[in-house]
Amino acid sequence: MRKLIIYITMIILMALWFIGCSEDEVIGPVYDDNVLLSTKVTTSPVMDGSVDALWADAMTLTISDVTVPNYSFFWSDYIGDTYTVTAKSVYTDSDVYFLFEWTGDAEESLERESWYFNDSANKWMQKPKKEPDEYGVNPAYEDKFAVLWNMNNSIANYNTQGCGVICHGEYMATNAEGEYGDMWHWKRVRTAPMHMVDDKWLTYSTGNGRKSDPKDGGGYSNNKQTIAVGSAEFTVPKYWIPGRTDYHWILDTEIADGTAKLIVSIDTTTMELTDEAGNTISPGDYSVSSDKLMPSVTVEPFVGDRGDVAAYQNYSGGKWTLELKRSLVTGNTGNDVQFDDMDKEYYFSIAVFDAAAIAHAIPGGMVGNTYKLQFE
C-alpha cells in the first residue's frame, strides 16, 4: 500500500511539473527559423532528381520572397519576379546531400543564346544574353540555381545580410582581401547534362571576383567559330547535328562519334552553311521563330575540383527539384567550404535564375538574407 501511495504521489508531481511549464519551454534543441538542419542517415538518397522517402524525415527550411531586386542592370521584365524555395539536407559519414525545390518558374528554360539566322542583318547570330537586342529579339537563357557559402565566416556582414553585401554592379566580389565564398552554380544547359554543378569561388576584386575552381579538363565551350572568306570573316556555329531540331547542347561524345558535324564553309551570297559531310544548312530554315535553333555550347564532364558537386534535377508541374551531393571534406581548402566540424554553423544563401544570365532572385530581394546549415 505504501509503495502504491509513493507511486501515485510521483505521478501527481510529474503532472504538476508539466502543467507548470510554459508553452515556450521545449525539451531538446531549439533551432532558429533560418536553420537548415542536416540529418544523419545510414542510407544515401538515390541521386536521380526525384524525392526519396527518406527525405520525408528531414527538416524543411522554407525560403519565401525570393525576389529579383530592382537593380538598374537587370532587364525590367525580370524585376519583381518571385519564387519560393524549400531546402532539406541529410548526410552520411562521407557525404552531404541537399534537396532544393522551388516554385514560381512557369517553364523549363533550355534555350541559351541559341543560333539563328537574322534576315534583317543578313547574318548568323545568337539570341541576346541579358536584354532585347537592337532587332527586338528577347534574351534567351537557361534556368540556373546558385548556393553561396561564407567560407570560414570570412565575408563581413554576410551572415546577416546575405548576397546583398557582395553584389557590385554587374559583377560579384567580396569587399576585402581575405574574404572568400564557395559558389555552387547549377546551370540547366551547361552543367546539368553532365549531372554536375559548376563549382566556383568568390574573392575580392574591383571587377569580377567570381573565379572557377581548378580543373584538369572537361567543361563547356562556346559552339562558335570564325570562317574567313577572302578578306571577310563570318561568325557562325561550329558544330551542328543534321536532322535534329529540338536540342540545346552538343555532347563531346557526339562530336567524337561523328553524330555532330563540323561546319566548314559559308556561301557569302546565300549565307548557306556546309558541314564536313557535305550537308547544307539553309538560312531560311533557321529564322528567329523556328524550332531549328542550333545550340550555343558543347559540353563534357569537368575533371578535377570544378566537378566536386553532383547534381540531378527534374522539372514537373511548375516545380523544380534539384538534388546536390558533395563530399563533406574535399581537401581543396582554398576554394571549397569544408564540412569538417559537425558542431559548426555554415552560413549560406541562394539565388534563382529564371531564364536569366544575371538577373537573379535572392531572399528578401534588396534586403537580403542568409541561412545556416547545422548538422544534427
Protein backbone atom coordinates (compact mmCIF):
# COMPACT_ATOMS: atom_id res chain seq x y z
CA MET A 1 0.00 0.00 0.00
CA ARG A 2 2.83 2.36 0.91
CA LYS A 3 4.55 1.72 -2.44
CA LEU A 4 1.28 2.49 -4.23
CA ILE A 5 0.95 5.82 -2.40
CA ILE A 6 4.54 6.77 -3.31
CA TYR A 7 3.94 5.80 -6.95
CA ILE A 8 0.74 7.89 -7.17
CA THR A 9 2.47 10.83 -5.49
CA MET A 10 5.29 10.72 -8.08
CA ILE A 11 2.78 10.71 -10.94
CA ILE A 12 0.98 13.73 -9.46
CA LEU A 13 4.24 15.64 -9.01
CA MET A 14 5.30 14.93 -12.61
CA ALA A 15 1.92 16.08 -13.91
CA LEU A 16 2.17 19.30 -11.91
CA TRP A 17 5.66 19.89 -13.31
CA PHE A 18 4.45 19.58 -16.92
CA ILE A 19 1.47 21.86 -16.20
CA GLY A 20 3.83 24.43 -14.72
CA CYS A 21 5.97 24.56 -17.86
CA SER A 22 5.21 27.49 -20.17
CA GLU A 23 4.25 26.86 -23.80
CA ASP A 24 7.60 28.28 -24.88
CA GLU A 25 9.62 25.70 -22.97
CA VAL A 26 10.68 22.86 -25.27
CA ILE A 27 12.61 19.76 -24.32
CA GLY A 28 15.56 19.25 -26.67
CA PRO A 29 17.43 21.61 -29.05
CA VAL A 30 15.75 24.74 -30.38
CA TYR A 31 16.57 25.95 -33.90
CA ASP A 32 16.11 29.37 -35.45
CA ASP A 33 13.82 29.87 -38.45
CA ASN A 34 16.86 30.31 -40.67
CA VAL A 35 18.46 26.97 -39.79
CA LEU A 36 18.77 24.10 -42.24
CA LEU A 37 19.27 21.01 -40.10
CA SER A 38 21.15 18.17 -41.82
CA THR A 39 20.00 14.78 -40.54
CA LYS A 40 22.38 11.83 -40.22
CA VAL A 41 21.33 8.84 -42.37
CA THR A 42 22.80 5.41 -42.97
CA THR A 43 21.27 5.05 -46.44
CA SER A 44 22.07 7.70 -49.03
CA PRO A 45 19.37 9.27 -51.21
CA VAL A 46 19.21 7.99 -54.76
CA MET A 47 20.57 10.81 -56.90
CA ASP A 48 18.02 11.00 -59.72
CA GLY A 49 16.10 14.25 -59.29
CA SER A 50 13.15 12.57 -57.58
CA VAL A 51 12.27 12.77 -53.89
CA ASP A 52 13.08 9.55 -51.99
CA ALA A 53 11.02 8.52 -48.97
CA LEU A 54 13.95 9.23 -46.63
CA TRP A 55 13.63 12.96 -47.39
CA ALA A 56 10.29 12.94 -45.52
CA ASP A 57 12.11 12.70 -42.19
CA ALA A 58 14.44 15.62 -42.96
CA MET A 59 13.70 19.11 -41.67
CA THR A 60 12.27 21.58 -44.22
CA LEU A 61 13.60 25.12 -44.44
CA THR A 62 11.18 27.35 -46.34
CA ILE A 63 12.63 30.45 -48.01
CA SER A 64 9.83 32.75 -49.14
CA ASP A 65 10.01 36.04 -51.00
CA VAL A 66 12.96 35.08 -53.19
CA THR A 67 12.68 38.12 -55.45
CA VAL A 68 14.61 39.72 -58.30
CA PRO A 69 15.71 43.11 -56.91
CA ASN A 70 15.39 46.38 -58.78
CA TYR A 71 18.98 46.67 -59.98
CA SER A 72 19.46 49.03 -62.92
CA PHE A 73 21.48 46.49 -64.88
CA PHE A 74 18.68 43.88 -64.81
CA TRP A 75 16.23 43.89 -67.72
CA SER A 76 12.97 45.33 -66.39
CA ASP A 77 10.94 42.23 -67.33
CA TYR A 78 12.83 40.22 -64.69
CA ILE A 79 12.48 42.68 -61.81
CA GLY A 80 10.00 41.66 -59.13
CA ASP A 81 9.72 38.01 -60.21
CA THR A 82 9.28 35.99 -57.01
CA TYR A 83 9.87 32.37 -56.06
CA THR A 84 9.50 30.13 -53.01
CA VAL A 85 12.36 27.74 -52.24
CA THR A 86 12.39 24.82 -49.83
CA ALA A 87 15.58 23.12 -48.69
CA LYS A 88 16.40 19.86 -46.94
CA SER A 89 19.68 18.18 -46.08
CA VAL A 90 20.95 14.78 -44.93
CA TYR A 91 24.46 13.45 -44.51
CA THR A 92 26.43 10.25 -44.12
CA ASP A 93 29.91 9.62 -42.77
CA SER A 94 31.41 10.82 -46.04
CA ASP A 95 28.94 13.00 -47.97
CA VAL A 96 26.33 15.71 -47.54
CA TYR A 97 23.16 15.88 -49.64
CA PHE A 98 20.76 18.75 -50.36
CA LEU A 99 17.26 18.81 -51.79
CA PHE A 100 16.19 22.19 -53.17
CA GLU A 101 12.74 22.70 -54.67
CA TRP A 102 11.32 25.96 -55.97
CA THR A 103 8.08 27.20 -57.47
CA GLY A 104 7.31 30.33 -59.47
CA ASP A 105 9.14 29.32 -62.65
CA ALA A 106 6.47 28.95 -65.31
CA GLU A 107 8.54 26.74 -67.63
CA GLU A 108 11.83 24.93 -68.00
CA SER A 109 14.17 27.20 -69.94
CA LEU A 110 16.65 25.39 -72.18
CA GLU A 111 17.37 27.89 -74.90
CA ARG A 112 20.66 29.63 -74.11
CA GLU A 113 21.82 32.20 -76.70
CA SER A 114 20.79 29.82 -79.48
CA TRP A 115 21.99 30.34 -83.04
CA TYR A 116 19.54 31.56 -85.66
CA PHE A 117 19.64 33.45 -88.95
CA ASN A 118 18.71 37.12 -88.75
CA ASP A 119 17.05 38.19 -92.00
CA SER A 120 17.27 41.89 -91.19
CA ALA A 121 21.00 41.76 -90.56
CA ASN A 122 21.56 39.04 -93.20
CA LYS A 123 23.84 37.07 -90.91
CA TRP A 124 24.00 34.17 -88.47
CA MET A 125 23.54 35.44 -84.93
CA GLN A 126 22.96 34.29 -81.37
CA LYS A 127 19.95 35.39 -79.38
CA PRO A 128 20.90 38.07 -76.82
CA LYS A 129 22.06 37.27 -73.31
CA LYS A 130 20.73 39.90 -70.88
CA GLU A 131 18.13 42.09 -72.59
CA PRO A 132 16.46 42.59 -76.00
CA ASP A 133 18.84 43.48 -78.82
CA GLU A 134 18.56 46.16 -81.48
CA TYR A 135 16.39 43.84 -83.59
CA GLY A 136 13.81 43.38 -80.83
CA VAL A 137 14.83 39.79 -80.11
CA ASN A 138 14.31 38.92 -76.44
CA PRO A 139 17.08 37.33 -74.39
CA ALA A 140 17.28 33.55 -74.40
CA TYR A 141 18.96 31.91 -71.45
CA GLU A 142 18.96 28.78 -69.31
CA ASP A 143 17.48 28.27 -65.84
CA LYS A 144 20.09 28.32 -63.07
CA PHE A 145 20.35 27.97 -59.29
CA ALA A 146 23.18 29.05 -57.00
CA VAL A 147 24.29 28.44 -53.43
CA LEU A 148 26.97 30.68 -51.92
CA TRP A 149 28.79 29.60 -48.73
CA ASN A 150 30.64 32.01 -46.46
CA MET A 151 33.98 30.22 -46.17
CA ASN A 152 35.30 30.31 -42.59
CA ASN A 153 32.90 33.20 -41.90
CA SER A 154 35.38 35.40 -43.75
CA ILE A 155 32.89 37.66 -45.59
CA ALA A 156 31.97 40.55 -43.31
CA ASN A 157 28.20 41.05 -42.74
CA TYR A 158 27.32 38.09 -45.00
CA ASN A 159 25.91 36.07 -42.08
CA THR A 160 23.21 38.68 -41.52
CA GLN A 161 22.70 40.31 -44.92
CA GLY A 162 23.39 37.51 -47.37
CA CYS A 163 24.26 38.13 -51.01
CA GLY A 164 23.43 41.83 -50.86
CA VAL A 165 26.88 42.57 -49.47
CA ILE A 166 28.74 41.07 -52.43
CA CYS A 167 26.76 42.42 -55.40
CA HIS A 168 28.69 45.21 -57.16
CA GLY A 169 27.07 46.31 -60.38
CA GLU A 170 27.02 43.56 -62.98
CA TYR A 171 29.79 41.66 -61.22
CA MET A 172 30.13 39.99 -57.85
CA ALA A 173 33.09 40.23 -55.50
CA THR A 174 33.84 40.24 -51.80
CA ASN A 175 34.66 43.56 -50.16
CA ALA A 176 38.16 42.99 -48.81
CA GLU A 177 41.24 40.83 -49.14
CA GLY A 178 40.89 37.60 -47.20
CA GLU A 179 37.12 37.28 -47.78
CA TYR A 180 36.15 34.13 -49.69
CA GLY A 181 32.97 32.39 -50.74
CA ASP A 182 32.32 28.94 -52.20
CA MET A 183 29.76 29.15 -55.03
CA TRP A 184 27.83 26.15 -56.35
CA HIS A 185 26.33 27.22 -59.68
CA TRP A 186 23.93 24.76 -61.30
CA LYS A 187 23.25 25.51 -64.98
CA ARG A 188 20.49 23.71 -66.86
CA VAL A 189 22.25 23.70 -70.25
CA ARG A 190 25.98 23.83 -69.47
CA THR A 191 26.36 21.54 -66.44
CA ALA A 192 23.10 19.63 -65.84
CA PRO A 193 23.60 17.27 -68.82
CA MET A 194 26.76 16.08 -67.04
CA HIS A 195 24.95 15.85 -63.66
CA MET A 196 27.33 18.41 -62.22
CA VAL A 197 27.40 21.85 -60.65
CA ASP A 198 29.87 24.48 -61.81
CA ASP A 199 31.98 24.73 -58.64
CA LYS A 200 33.28 28.29 -58.33
CA TRP A 201 34.64 30.60 -55.65
CA LEU A 202 34.39 34.27 -54.83
CA THR A 203 37.21 36.60 -53.87
CA TYR A 204 37.99 40.30 -53.54
CA SER A 205 38.22 42.28 -56.77
CA THR A 206 37.47 45.73 -58.10
CA GLY A 207 35.85 43.97 -61.07
CA ASN A 208 34.69 40.38 -61.37
CA GLY A 209 35.60 38.41 -58.24
CA ARG A 210 33.95 35.18 -59.36
CA LYS A 211 36.52 32.51 -60.20
CA SER A 212 36.36 28.87 -61.27
CA ASP A 213 37.76 26.01 -59.23
CA PRO A 214 40.74 24.32 -60.90
CA LYS A 215 40.05 21.55 -63.38
CA ASP A 216 42.14 19.00 -65.25
CA GLY A 217 39.89 19.04 -68.28
CA GLY A 218 36.31 18.97 -69.50
CA GLY A 219 33.59 21.55 -69.07
CA TYR A 220 31.60 23.59 -71.57
CA SER A 221 32.76 25.58 -74.59
CA ASN A 222 31.15 28.08 -76.93
CA ASN A 223 29.86 26.45 -80.09
CA LYS A 224 31.23 29.26 -82.22
CA GLN A 225 33.88 29.82 -84.85
CA THR A 226 35.03 32.37 -87.40
CA ILE A 227 35.23 31.36 -91.06
CA ALA A 228 37.32 33.58 -93.34
CA VAL A 229 36.35 34.05 -96.98
CA GLY A 230 38.89 36.26 -98.68
CA SER A 231 39.26 39.35 -96.53
CA ALA A 232 35.85 38.90 -94.90
CA GLU A 233 35.18 36.98 -91.68
CA PHE A 234 31.90 35.37 -90.66
CA THR A 235 30.96 34.22 -87.16
CA VAL A 236 28.88 31.04 -87.34
CA PRO A 237 28.14 27.87 -85.33
CA LYS A 238 30.98 25.37 -85.13
CA TYR A 239 29.03 22.10 -84.87
CA TRP A 240 25.51 21.00 -85.61
CA ILE A 241 23.61 17.71 -85.64
CA PRO A 242 21.92 17.03 -89.01
CA GLY A 243 18.27 16.11 -88.75
CA ARG A 244 17.92 17.17 -85.13
CA THR A 245 15.77 20.19 -84.29
CA ASP A 246 14.90 20.47 -80.59
CA TYR A 247 18.32 20.29 -78.94
CA HIS A 248 20.15 22.76 -76.74
CA TRP A 249 23.68 21.40 -76.29
CA ILE A 250 26.09 19.11 -78.09
CA LEU A 251 27.93 16.44 -76.11
CA ASP A 252 31.63 15.87 -76.58
CA THR A 253 30.80 12.22 -77.24
CA GLU A 254 28.54 13.28 -80.12
CA ILE A 255 31.48 15.14 -81.64
CA ALA A 256 33.81 12.21 -81.10
CA ASP A 257 31.49 9.61 -82.66
CA GLY A 258 30.61 11.79 -85.65
CA THR A 259 26.98 12.47 -84.72
CA ALA A 260 27.78 16.18 -84.65
CA LYS A 261 29.33 17.60 -87.81
CA LEU A 262 31.88 20.38 -88.13
CA ILE A 263 30.66 23.32 -90.23
CA VAL A 264 33.42 24.10 -92.71
CA SER A 265 32.22 26.77 -95.14
CA ILE A 266 29.74 29.55 -95.88
CA ASP A 267 28.34 30.80 -99.18
CA THR A 268 28.72 34.56 -98.90
CA THR A 269 25.87 35.17 -101.35
CA THR A 270 23.17 32.88 -99.93
CA MET A 271 24.69 32.62 -96.42
CA GLU A 272 24.17 28.87 -96.66
CA LEU A 273 26.48 26.76 -94.45
CA THR A 274 28.09 23.44 -95.38
CA ASP A 275 29.42 20.82 -92.98
CA GLU A 276 32.29 18.35 -93.30
CA ALA A 277 29.97 15.66 -94.68
CA GLY A 278 28.62 17.91 -97.43
CA ASN A 279 25.28 18.63 -95.71
CA THR A 280 23.95 22.14 -96.31
CA ILE A 281 22.22 24.38 -93.78
CA SER A 282 19.73 26.81 -95.26
CA PRO A 283 19.29 30.18 -93.52
CA GLY A 284 15.58 30.06 -94.35
CA ASP A 285 15.12 27.10 -92.01
CA TYR A 286 16.60 28.96 -89.04
CA SER A 287 14.52 32.08 -88.55
CA VAL A 288 14.24 33.53 -85.05
CA SER A 289 10.87 31.83 -84.53
CA SER A 290 11.87 28.45 -85.95
CA ASP A 291 12.30 25.34 -83.79
CA LYS A 292 15.54 24.69 -85.69
CA LEU A 293 17.77 26.75 -83.44
CA MET A 294 21.32 25.46 -83.07
CA PRO A 295 22.94 25.16 -79.60
CA SER A 296 25.41 27.72 -78.31
CA VAL A 297 27.52 25.24 -76.32
CA THR A 298 29.30 21.92 -76.40
CA VAL A 299 29.56 20.13 -73.04
CA GLU A 300 31.60 17.43 -71.33
CA PRO A 301 32.19 16.47 -67.68
CA PHE A 302 34.53 18.53 -65.53
CA VAL A 303 37.63 16.65 -64.49
CA GLY A 304 39.06 17.76 -61.15
CA ASP A 305 37.92 20.09 -58.37
CA ARG A 306 35.49 22.04 -60.52
CA GLY A 307 33.28 18.93 -60.72
CA ASP A 308 33.11 18.23 -56.96
CA VAL A 309 29.35 18.74 -56.65
CA ALA A 310 26.98 16.23 -58.26
CA ALA A 311 23.54 17.41 -59.40
CA TYR A 312 20.35 15.72 -60.57
CA GLN A 313 17.24 17.68 -61.46
CA ASN A 314 13.64 17.42 -62.58
CA TYR A 315 11.06 19.96 -63.69
CA SER A 316 7.40 18.99 -63.42
CA GLY A 317 4.12 20.71 -62.67
CA GLY A 318 5.70 24.13 -62.29
CA LYS A 319 8.24 22.95 -59.72
CA TRP A 320 11.99 22.47 -59.94
CA THR A 321 13.57 19.65 -57.93
CA LEU A 322 17.34 19.73 -57.56
CA GLU A 323 19.42 17.19 -55.62
CA LEU A 324 23.04 18.01 -54.81
CA LYS A 325 25.78 15.83 -53.34
CA ARG A 326 29.29 16.68 -52.21
CA SER A 327 31.96 15.11 -50.03
CA LEU A 328 31.96 16.57 -46.53
CA VAL A 329 35.65 17.27 -46.97
CA THR A 330 37.25 17.86 -50.38
CA GLY A 331 40.75 18.84 -49.32
CA ASN A 332 40.59 21.93 -51.52
CA THR A 333 40.66 24.36 -48.59
CA GLY A 334 41.40 27.37 -50.77
CA ASN A 335 38.21 27.17 -52.86
CA ASP A 336 35.76 24.84 -51.09
CA VAL A 337 33.87 25.07 -47.82
CA GLN A 338 34.91 22.10 -45.66
CA PHE A 339 32.17 20.46 -43.59
CA ASP A 340 34.71 19.04 -41.16
CA ASP A 341 33.21 20.14 -37.84
CA MET A 342 29.74 18.80 -37.04
CA ASP A 343 29.33 21.37 -34.23
CA LYS A 344 29.93 24.33 -36.51
CA GLU A 345 27.37 26.52 -38.30
CA TYR A 346 27.88 27.00 -42.06
CA TYR A 347 26.27 30.14 -43.45
CA PHE A 348 24.86 30.25 -46.98
CA SER A 349 22.32 31.94 -49.21
CA ILE A 350 20.68 31.01 -52.52
CA ALA A 351 19.68 32.55 -55.84
CA VAL A 352 17.17 31.60 -58.54
CA PHE A 353 17.82 32.47 -62.20
CA ASP A 354 14.68 32.07 -64.32
CA ALA A 355 15.87 32.02 -67.94
CA ALA A 356 18.32 34.73 -66.92
CA ALA A 357 22.03 35.33 -67.31
CA ILE A 358 22.48 37.83 -64.48
CA ALA A 359 19.00 38.82 -63.20
CA HIS A 360 18.72 36.58 -60.16
CA ALA A 361 16.18 36.38 -57.36
CA ILE A 362 17.56 36.42 -53.82
CA PRO A 363 15.87 36.05 -50.42
CA GLY A 364 14.23 39.31 -49.46
CA GLY A 365 15.19 40.98 -52.72
CA MET A 366 17.20 44.12 -51.97
CA VAL A 367 17.12 43.35 -48.24
CA GLY A 368 18.95 40.04 -48.49
CA ASN A 369 19.00 37.16 -46.03
CA THR A 370 21.20 34.26 -45.04
CA TYR A 371 20.78 30.80 -43.55
CA LYS A 372 22.92 28.38 -41.61
CA LEU A 373 23.49 24.69 -42.05
CA GLN A 374 23.76 22.73 -38.83
CA PHE A 375 24.49 19.01 -38.55
CA GLU A 376 22.18 17.01 -36.30
